[in-house]
Protein backbone atom coordinates (compact mmCIF):
# COMPACT_ATOMS: atom_id res chain seq x y z
CA MET A 1 84.39 88.51 81.49
CA GLU A 2 81.77 86.23 82.79
CA ASN A 3 81.51 86.23 86.37
CA PHE A 4 83.95 89.35 87.24
CA MET A 5 83.10 92.42 87.88
CA GLN A 6 84.97 95.85 86.95
CA PHE A 7 86.76 97.97 89.51
CA GLY A 8 89.09 100.88 89.12
CA VAL A 9 92.81 100.98 89.88
CA GLU A 10 92.72 102.54 93.15
CA ASP A 11 90.53 99.83 94.22
CA ILE A 12 93.73 97.07 94.12
CA THR A 13 94.14 96.53 97.52
CA ASP A 14 96.69 93.56 97.04
CA ASN A 15 100.41 94.48 98.51
CA PRO A 16 101.91 94.51 94.50
CA PHE A 17 104.82 93.21 96.34
CA LYS A 18 103.38 89.42 97.65
CA LEU A 19 100.68 89.99 94.80
CA ILE A 20 103.70 89.58 92.12
CA ASN A 21 106.65 88.12 93.81
CA LYS A 22 104.99 85.59 95.60
CA ASP A 23 101.50 84.82 94.53
CA TRP A 24 103.22 84.80 90.64
CA MET A 25 100.86 85.50 87.70
CA LEU A 26 100.38 84.92 84.05
CA VAL A 27 101.26 87.12 81.51
CA THR A 28 99.21 86.40 78.13
CA ALA A 29 99.23 88.29 74.78
CA GLY A 30 97.30 87.50 71.75
CA ASP A 31 93.74 87.23 70.68
CA ILE A 32 91.40 84.59 72.10
CA ASN A 33 92.25 82.29 68.26
CA SER A 34 96.00 82.51 68.94
CA TRP A 35 97.40 83.23 72.45
CA ASN A 36 99.86 82.48 74.46
CA THR A 37 101.12 82.88 78.89
CA LEU A 38 103.82 82.72 80.72
CA THR A 39 104.41 82.67 84.54
CA ALA A 40 106.05 85.79 85.81
CA SER A 41 107.03 87.25 89.07
CA TRP A 42 108.94 90.39 88.15
CA GLY A 43 106.86 93.68 87.26
CA THR A 44 105.62 96.60 88.68
CA LEU A 45 102.71 98.67 89.42
CA GLY A 46 102.08 102.24 89.31
CA ILE A 47 101.78 105.51 87.67
CA LEU A 48 103.74 106.99 84.73
CA TRP A 49 102.69 109.66 81.87
CA HIS A 50 100.02 110.58 84.14
CA LYS A 51 98.31 107.06 83.81
CA PRO A 52 97.92 103.93 85.43
CA VAL A 53 100.35 101.11 84.09
CA ALA A 54 102.07 97.92 84.79
CA THR A 55 105.37 96.94 83.25
CA VAL A 56 106.13 93.38 82.50
CA TYR A 57 109.40 92.03 81.85
CA ILE A 58 109.37 89.23 79.18
CA ARG A 59 112.73 87.23 77.60
CA PRO A 60 112.95 87.31 73.97
CA THR A 61 113.35 83.54 74.31
CA ARG A 62 109.70 83.04 75.15
CA HIS A 63 107.06 82.30 73.26
CA THR A 64 104.63 85.14 74.81
CA PHE A 65 107.56 87.48 73.26
CA GLU A 66 106.36 87.02 69.83
CA PHE A 67 102.40 87.41 71.05
CA THR A 68 102.83 90.60 72.91
CA GLU A 69 105.30 91.81 70.28
CA LYS A 70 102.39 91.58 67.78
CA ASN A 71 99.63 92.58 70.21
CA GLU A 72 98.42 95.96 71.84
CA ILE A 73 96.76 94.48 74.75
CA PHE A 74 98.47 92.11 77.19
CA THR A 75 96.84 91.00 80.48
CA MET A 76 98.08 90.11 84.02
CA SER A 77 96.28 87.41 85.99
CA PHE A 78 96.55 86.55 89.40
CA PHE A 79 94.98 83.26 91.06
CA THR A 80 94.47 81.66 94.44
CA GLU A 81 97.16 79.33 95.67
CA GLU A 82 95.11 76.32 94.36
CA HIS A 83 96.30 76.95 91.31
CA ARG A 84 99.84 77.32 91.91
CA ASP A 85 100.91 73.96 89.93
CA ALA A 86 98.92 75.56 86.97
CA LEU A 87 101.53 78.91 87.20
CA LYS A 88 104.42 76.39 87.54
CA PHE A 89 103.54 74.15 84.57
CA CYS A 90 102.74 77.80 82.50
CA GLY A 91 106.57 78.75 83.25
CA SER A 92 108.43 75.49 82.87
CA HIS A 93 106.68 74.24 79.51
CA SER A 94 106.82 76.71 76.42
CA GLY A 95 103.60 77.13 74.62
CA ARG A 96 105.35 76.34 71.17
CA ASP A 97 105.45 72.29 72.73
CA TYR A 98 102.16 71.96 74.76
CA ASP A 99 98.70 73.80 75.32
CA LYS A 100 99.02 75.09 78.13
CA ALA A 101 95.43 75.44 78.49
CA ALA A 102 94.38 72.23 78.12
CA GLU A 103 97.75 70.94 80.41
CA THR A 104 96.41 72.98 83.09
CA GLY A 105 92.80 73.03 82.87
CA LEU A 106 92.76 77.13 82.69
CA THR A 107 90.08 78.27 81.00
CA PRO A 108 90.75 81.20 78.65
CA VAL A 109 88.20 84.02 78.41
CA GLN A 110 88.63 86.94 75.61
CA ALA A 111 89.55 90.72 77.89
CA HIS A 112 89.30 93.40 75.69
CA GLY A 113 90.69 92.29 73.32
CA GLY A 114 93.14 90.24 74.89
CA VAL A 115 92.85 86.45 76.98
CA ALA A 116 92.63 86.18 80.35
CA PHE A 117 91.54 83.28 82.87
CA ALA A 118 88.17 82.17 84.05
CA GLU A 119 90.06 80.78 86.82
CA ALA A 120 91.85 83.95 88.32
CA ARG A 121 90.65 85.71 90.86
CA GLN A 122 91.66 89.40 89.31
CA VAL A 123 93.07 90.65 86.02
CA ILE A 124 94.73 93.47 85.78
CA ILE A 125 94.14 94.35 81.14
CA CYS A 126 96.68 97.14 79.70
CA ARG A 127 97.32 98.63 76.25
CA LYS A 128 100.90 98.94 75.31
CA LEU A 129 101.98 102.63 75.51
CA TYR A 130 106.37 101.84 75.23
CA ALA A 131 108.29 99.08 74.86
CA GLU A 132 112.70 99.08 75.41
CA ASP A 133 115.13 96.16 75.60
CA ILE A 134 117.05 96.01 78.69
CA LYS A 135 120.59 97.24 77.68
CA PRO A 136 123.28 95.17 80.30
CA GLU A 137 125.65 98.67 79.37
CA LEU A 138 123.45 100.74 81.45
CA PHE A 139 123.00 97.88 84.38
CA LEU A 140 124.43 100.28 88.04
CA ASP A 141 124.60 96.87 90.06
CA GLU A 142 127.23 94.16 88.16
CA LYS A 143 125.38 91.86 90.50
CA ILE A 144 122.41 91.96 88.04
CA GLU A 145 124.12 90.43 85.39
CA GLU A 146 124.90 87.53 87.12
CA LEU A 147 121.00 87.09 86.64
CA TYR A 148 121.95 86.44 83.00
CA PRO A 149 124.11 84.06 82.04
CA LYS A 150 122.81 83.37 78.54
CA LYS A 151 122.60 86.85 78.20
CA ASP A 152 118.81 86.54 77.13
CA TYR A 153 117.82 90.41 78.66
CA HIS A 154 114.13 90.66 79.35
CA LYS A 155 112.22 93.54 77.17
CA ALA A 156 110.19 96.07 79.69
CA TYR A 157 106.33 96.61 77.79
CA VAL A 158 104.62 99.37 79.70
CA GLY A 159 100.66 98.99 79.52
CA GLU A 160 98.39 101.25 80.36
CA ILE A 161 95.57 99.39 82.36
CA ILE A 162 92.41 100.12 80.97
CA GLY A 163 90.67 97.34 83.15
CA VAL A 164 90.46 95.43 86.78
CA TYR A 165 88.59 92.97 86.80
CA ARG A 166 88.10 90.80 90.19
CA LYS A 167 86.03 88.04 91.64
């Protein structure tokens, strides 16, 4: 990844609550020849099974779901505020209908066999370790169900963080 430097997970200094929930991210799966991305504001960073991990949540109705199912690598790309419109576009338009790179001006780059974006300020690269469908019968807070009026429950993907890159 040209113009990026690799760092350890301990060097991530961003507040993860702001980074994911307020700044948003592009979650991308596939390879440089065939990929899709979506904007996400739900996710986690932490330690599981003695490994640094990230968890992303993808609804099965999203085009990126197919790519995440088929590929071992997913990436989380974080941007400065100047790219907010690109993030809005990628969160509201399907890759089935639009070429998101062409529409947003973002440049896909190969990243450990996955895809990230040259314009990102930080990229976290993950190798899938575990995936599980969200099961509504296990909700302990019944109000969570209100977030799923279409009953399109997310699938959680836990990935080992295998690379952290920053400009």
